Protein backbone atom coordinates (compact mmCIF):
# COMPACT_ATOMS: atom_id res chain seq x y z
CA MET A 1 0.08 0.23 -0.18
CA ILE A 2 2.71 2.53 0.82
CA PHE A 3 4.76 1.82 -2.49
CA ARG A 4 1.36 2.20 -4.30
CA LEU A 5 1.00 5.57 -2.72
CA LEU A 6 4.86 6.59 -3.01
CA LEU A 7 4.10 5.73 -6.89
CA ALA A 8 1.00 8.12 -6.69
CA GLU A 9 2.69 10.84 -4.81
CA GLY A 10 5.53 10.85 -7.35
CA MET A 11 3.17 11.35 -10.33
CA LYS A 12 1.73 14.41 -8.68
CA LEU A 13 5.28 15.89 -7.87
CA LYS A 14 6.14 19.11 -8.71
CA ARG A 15 9.06 19.54 -11.21
CA ILE A 16 10.75 21.99 -8.84
CA CYS A 17 11.05 19.20 -6.18
CA LEU A 18 13.47 17.23 -8.33
CA TRP A 19 15.28 20.22 -9.16
CA LEU A 20 15.64 21.62 -5.49
CA PRO A 21 18.12 19.16 -4.14
CA LEU A 22 20.39 19.83 -6.87
CA ILE A 23 20.08 23.36 -6.76
CA SER A 24 20.79 23.41 -3.01
CA ALA A 25 23.90 21.21 -3.86
CA ILE A 26 25.33 23.49 -6.27
CA ILE A 27 24.80 26.80 -3.93
CA LEU A 28 26.49 24.59 -0.93
CA ASN A 29 29.26 23.85 -3.25
CA VAL A 30 29.81 27.38 -4.62
CA VAL A 31 29.86 28.57 -1.14
CA ILE A 32 32.24 25.99 -0.29
CA ALA A 33 34.30 26.71 -2.90
CA GLY A 34 34.18 30.49 -2.73
CA GLU A 35 35.02 30.55 1.15
CA TRP A 36 37.74 28.29 0.88
CA TYR A 37 39.35 30.18 -1.85
CA LEU A 38 39.05 33.65 -0.69
CA TYR A 39 39.93 33.03 3.39
CA PHE A 40 41.33 29.40 4.04
CA ARG A 41 43.28 28.00 1.06
CA GLN A 42 46.38 30.23 2.52
CA GLY A 43 45.96 28.93 6.16
CA PRO A 44 47.69 25.82 7.93
CA GLY A 45 44.77 23.62 7.03
CA GLY A 46 45.28 23.87 3.12
CA VAL A 47 42.48 22.26 1.12
CA TYR A 48 41.22 20.33 4.26
CA ALA A 49 40.06 23.32 5.48
CA GLY A 50 37.30 23.04 3.17
CA PHE A 51 35.29 20.94 5.76
CA SER A 52 35.38 23.48 8.14
CA VAL A 53 33.34 25.49 5.59
CA MET A 54 31.10 22.80 5.16
CA PHE A 55 30.72 22.60 8.75
CA LEU A 56 29.60 26.26 8.87
CA PHE A 57 26.99 26.18 6.08
CA LEU A 58 25.72 22.72 5.78
CA SER A 59 22.79 22.58 8.33
CA PHE A 60 21.66 25.66 7.16
CA ILE A 61 21.20 24.60 3.29
CA LEU A 62 20.26 21.09 4.40
CA LEU A 63 17.53 22.35 6.77
CA LEU A 64 16.45 25.24 4.24
CA SER A 65 15.90 22.45 1.54
CA ILE A 66 13.80 20.33 3.92
CA THR A 67 11.57 23.71 4.63
CA LEU A 68 11.14 24.24 1.08
CA LEU A 69 10.30 20.14 -0.07
CA THR A 70 7.84 19.84 2.81
CA SER A 71 5.80 22.80 1.75
CA ILE A 72 5.88 22.08 -1.99
CA ILE A 73 4.71 18.67 -1.71
CA SER A 74 1.78 19.21 0.65
CA SER A 75 0.99 22.53 -1.17
CA THR A 76 -0.44 20.17 -3.97
CA GLU A 77 -3.53 19.21 -1.64
CA HIS A 78 -4.05 22.60 -0.21
CA ASP A 79 -3.87 24.44 -3.47
CA THR A 80 -6.61 21.86 -5.39
CA GLY A 81 -8.41 21.55 -1.96
CA SER A 82 -8.17 17.73 -2.29
CA TRP A 83 -7.33 16.70 1.39
CA LYS A 84 -10.85 15.62 1.82
CA GLN A 85 -11.06 13.69 -1.51
CA LEU A 86 -7.66 11.55 -0.47
CA CYS A 87 -8.94 11.27 3.12
CA ALA A 88 -11.92 9.67 2.03
CA LEU A 89 -10.07 6.78 0.20
CA PRO A 90 -10.25 3.40 1.82
CA ILE A 91 -6.80 4.16 3.05
CA SER A 92 -5.04 4.55 6.26
CA ARG A 93 -4.56 8.26 6.95
CA MET A 94 -1.13 7.36 8.41
CA TYR A 95 -0.11 5.56 5.47
CA ILE A 96 -0.91 8.96 3.41
CA TYR A 97 1.23 10.84 5.78
CA PHE A 98 3.98 8.35 5.75
CA SER A 99 4.16 8.37 2.00
CA LYS A 100 4.70 12.20 1.86
CA THR A 101 7.25 11.98 4.78
CA ILE A 102 8.98 8.94 2.75
CA LEU A 103 9.35 11.15 -0.35
CA VAL A 104 10.59 14.23 1.37
CA ILE A 105 13.30 11.79 3.38
CA PHE A 106 14.18 9.99 -0.37
CA LEU A 107 14.50 13.87 -1.74
CA HIS A 108 16.45 15.21 1.31
CA PHE A 109 18.63 12.31 0.56
CA LEU A 110 19.28 13.29 -3.13
CA THR A 111 20.42 16.38 -1.73
CA ILE A 112 23.17 14.81 0.13
CA VAL A 113 23.96 12.63 -2.96
CA PHE A 114 24.43 15.59 -5.17
CA ILE A 115 26.53 17.60 -2.48
CA LEU A 116 28.99 14.63 -2.29
CA LEU A 117 29.30 14.44 -6.02
CA GLY A 118 29.87 18.43 -6.35
CA ILE A 119 32.49 18.12 -3.40
CA VAL A 120 34.22 15.20 -5.14
CA LEU A 121 34.36 17.33 -8.39
CA LEU A 122 35.77 20.21 -6.39
CA TRP A 123 38.45 18.42 -4.94
CA ILE A 124 39.75 16.82 -8.01
CA PHE A 125 39.88 20.00 -9.59
CA TYR A 126 41.51 21.83 -6.60
CA THR A 127 43.92 19.38 -5.12
CA SER A 128 45.92 15.99 -5.81
CA GLU A 129 45.64 15.00 -2.35
CA PRO A 130 43.80 11.43 -1.49
CA ILE A 131 40.01 12.12 -0.89
CA PRO A 132 38.98 11.72 2.80
CA TRP A 133 35.94 9.30 1.63
CA GLY A 134 35.45 8.15 5.58
CA PHE A 135 35.36 11.68 7.00
CA MET A 136 33.58 13.65 3.86
CA ILE A 137 30.77 10.77 3.88
CA LYS A 138 30.40 10.68 7.63
CA GLN A 139 29.91 14.22 7.68
CA LEU A 140 27.02 14.64 5.39
CA ILE A 141 25.01 11.07 6.39
CA TYR A 142 25.48 12.40 10.38
CA CYS A 143 24.19 15.44 9.39
CA TYR A 144 21.40 14.12 7.30
CA LEU A 145 20.35 11.95 10.39
CA ALA A 146 20.23 14.56 12.55
CA SER A 147 17.91 16.73 10.58
CA LEU A 148 15.36 14.58 10.92
CA PRO A 149 13.56 15.80 13.69
CA VAL A 150 13.05 19.28 11.69
CA LEU A 151 11.88 17.18 8.63
CA ALA A 152 9.42 15.85 11.00
CA ILE A 153 8.13 19.41 12.54
CA GLN A 154 8.34 20.74 9.09
CA GLN A 155 6.17 18.10 7.66
CA TRP A 156 3.48 18.18 10.28
CA LEU A 157 3.46 21.66 9.87
CA SER A 158 2.89 21.85 6.23
CA THR A 159 0.00 19.30 6.22
CA GLN A 160 -1.78 21.22 9.04
CA LEU A 161 -1.37 24.59 7.60
CA GLN A 162 -3.06 25.94 4.34
CA ASN A 163 -1.41 28.95 4.43
CA GLN A 164 2.25 27.92 3.48
CA ALA A 165 4.25 30.93 4.45
CA ILE A 166 3.39 30.09 8.17
CA PRO A 167 5.75 26.97 7.89
CA ILE A 168 7.99 28.53 5.26
CA ALA A 169 8.53 31.58 7.54
CA PHE A 170 9.29 29.05 10.57
CA GLY A 171 11.37 26.75 8.78
CA VAL A 172 13.59 29.50 7.20
CA MET A 173 14.13 31.15 10.89
CA GLY A 174 14.76 27.51 12.21
CA ALA A 175 17.58 27.10 9.22
CA MET A 176 19.06 30.26 10.26
CA SER A 177 19.25 29.84 13.74
CA SER A 178 21.15 26.52 13.24
CA LEU A 179 24.18 28.81 12.30
CA PHE A 180 24.32 30.06 16.34
CA LEU A 181 22.51 27.59 18.13
CA ALA A 182 25.53 24.97 18.09
CA ARG A 183 27.77 27.52 18.72
CA THR A 184 26.37 28.66 22.50
CA GLU A 185 27.76 26.93 25.31
CA SER A 186 23.77 26.21 26.92
CA ASN A 187 23.19 22.55 27.01
CA VAL A 188 19.27 23.58 26.99
CA VAL A 189 19.69 25.28 23.80
CA HIS A 190 21.66 22.39 22.31
CA MET A 191 18.59 20.36 23.19
CA LEU A 192 16.34 22.20 20.53
CA PRO A 193 16.30 20.18 17.38
CA TRP A 194 17.93 22.65 15.25
CA ALA A 195 21.23 22.33 16.70
CA TYR A 196 21.61 19.00 16.14
CA ALA A 197 22.57 18.96 12.58
CA PRO A 198 25.44 21.40 12.92
CA LEU A 199 26.42 19.56 16.25
CA SER A 200 26.73 15.94 14.45
CA THR A 201 29.67 16.97 12.47
CA PRO A 202 33.08 14.58 13.28
CA LEU A 203 34.82 17.77 13.92
CA LEU A 204 33.36 17.86 17.65
CA ASP A 205 34.23 15.01 20.00
CA GLU A 206 30.48 14.07 21.05
CA HIS A 207 28.76 14.02 17.86
CA MET A 208 27.42 10.49 18.23
CA GLN A 209 25.04 11.44 20.48
CA TRP A 210 23.19 14.18 18.65
CA VAL A 211 23.31 11.84 15.58
CA CYS A 212 21.22 9.43 17.86
CA MET A 213 19.18 11.91 19.18
CA GLY A 214 18.04 13.13 15.55
CA VAL A 215 17.11 9.64 14.60
CA ILE A 216 15.21 8.65 17.73
CA SER A 217 13.55 12.10 17.96
CA GLY A 218 12.76 12.23 14.24
CA ILE A 219 11.17 8.96 14.32
CA ALA A 220 9.22 9.64 17.40
CA LEU A 221 8.07 13.08 15.79
CA ILE A 222 7.13 11.43 12.22
CA ILE A 223 4.99 8.85 14.30
CA ALA A 224 3.13 11.54 16.32
CA GLY A 225 2.65 13.50 13.27
CA ALA A 226 1.04 10.56 11.41
CA LEU A 227 -1.37 10.04 14.27
CA HIS A 228 -2.20 13.56 14.63
CA PHE A 229 -3.02 14.02 11.03
CA ALA A 230 -4.90 10.36 11.33
CA ARG A 231 -7.28 11.96 13.75
CA SER A 232 -7.34 15.60 12.62
CA GLU A 233 -9.98 17.38 10.62
CA VAL A 234 -8.73 17.97 7.32
CA GLN A 235 -10.19 21.02 4.89
């Protein structure tokens, strides 16, 4: 059933959703290349300083991409007023919610893949040093996993609110806050979901706890969102 719903969601998918992962990856890689070339290439870190630049901006790009993907995918039903017709089908509402969430998770993963490909191309262009595959993949995958609770929150907001300006504004502010939350010394602030992604970098000693918290809280929030969607009134 979930597979059929995913196929149906894929047929309704707007073209911009397929372009967005690629656009997000291009923007991040341009920023990484530009920042490294202008400010870091003469430093002691050499070409490896590019990972510090990635650490600064990766979480922002991923959380912003999540915000746009969840809003665009949910806006199809909001714009056409088809939530009632969709929920009237002999299909569990939780399956409907899960199918949309899985689609966002997949497109979000495509963003990671495109970012990885872009970084590899930049690395080959800039240097003959061996590619640090282990660190590079960990940096991307850990941030991806740690961003799941934000994905769950944005998915719930986008399905519940017809005016998509609200979840988009909320998501943009959350993405911007990720640039600063991880740099505070307050443990309370670090418990906010928007801090998990930047704190998950392998550059930090205790990064795995934030990856685990992201996965656990992300799954819990997705299930909670599906339960609420199944019981709520649709417009």
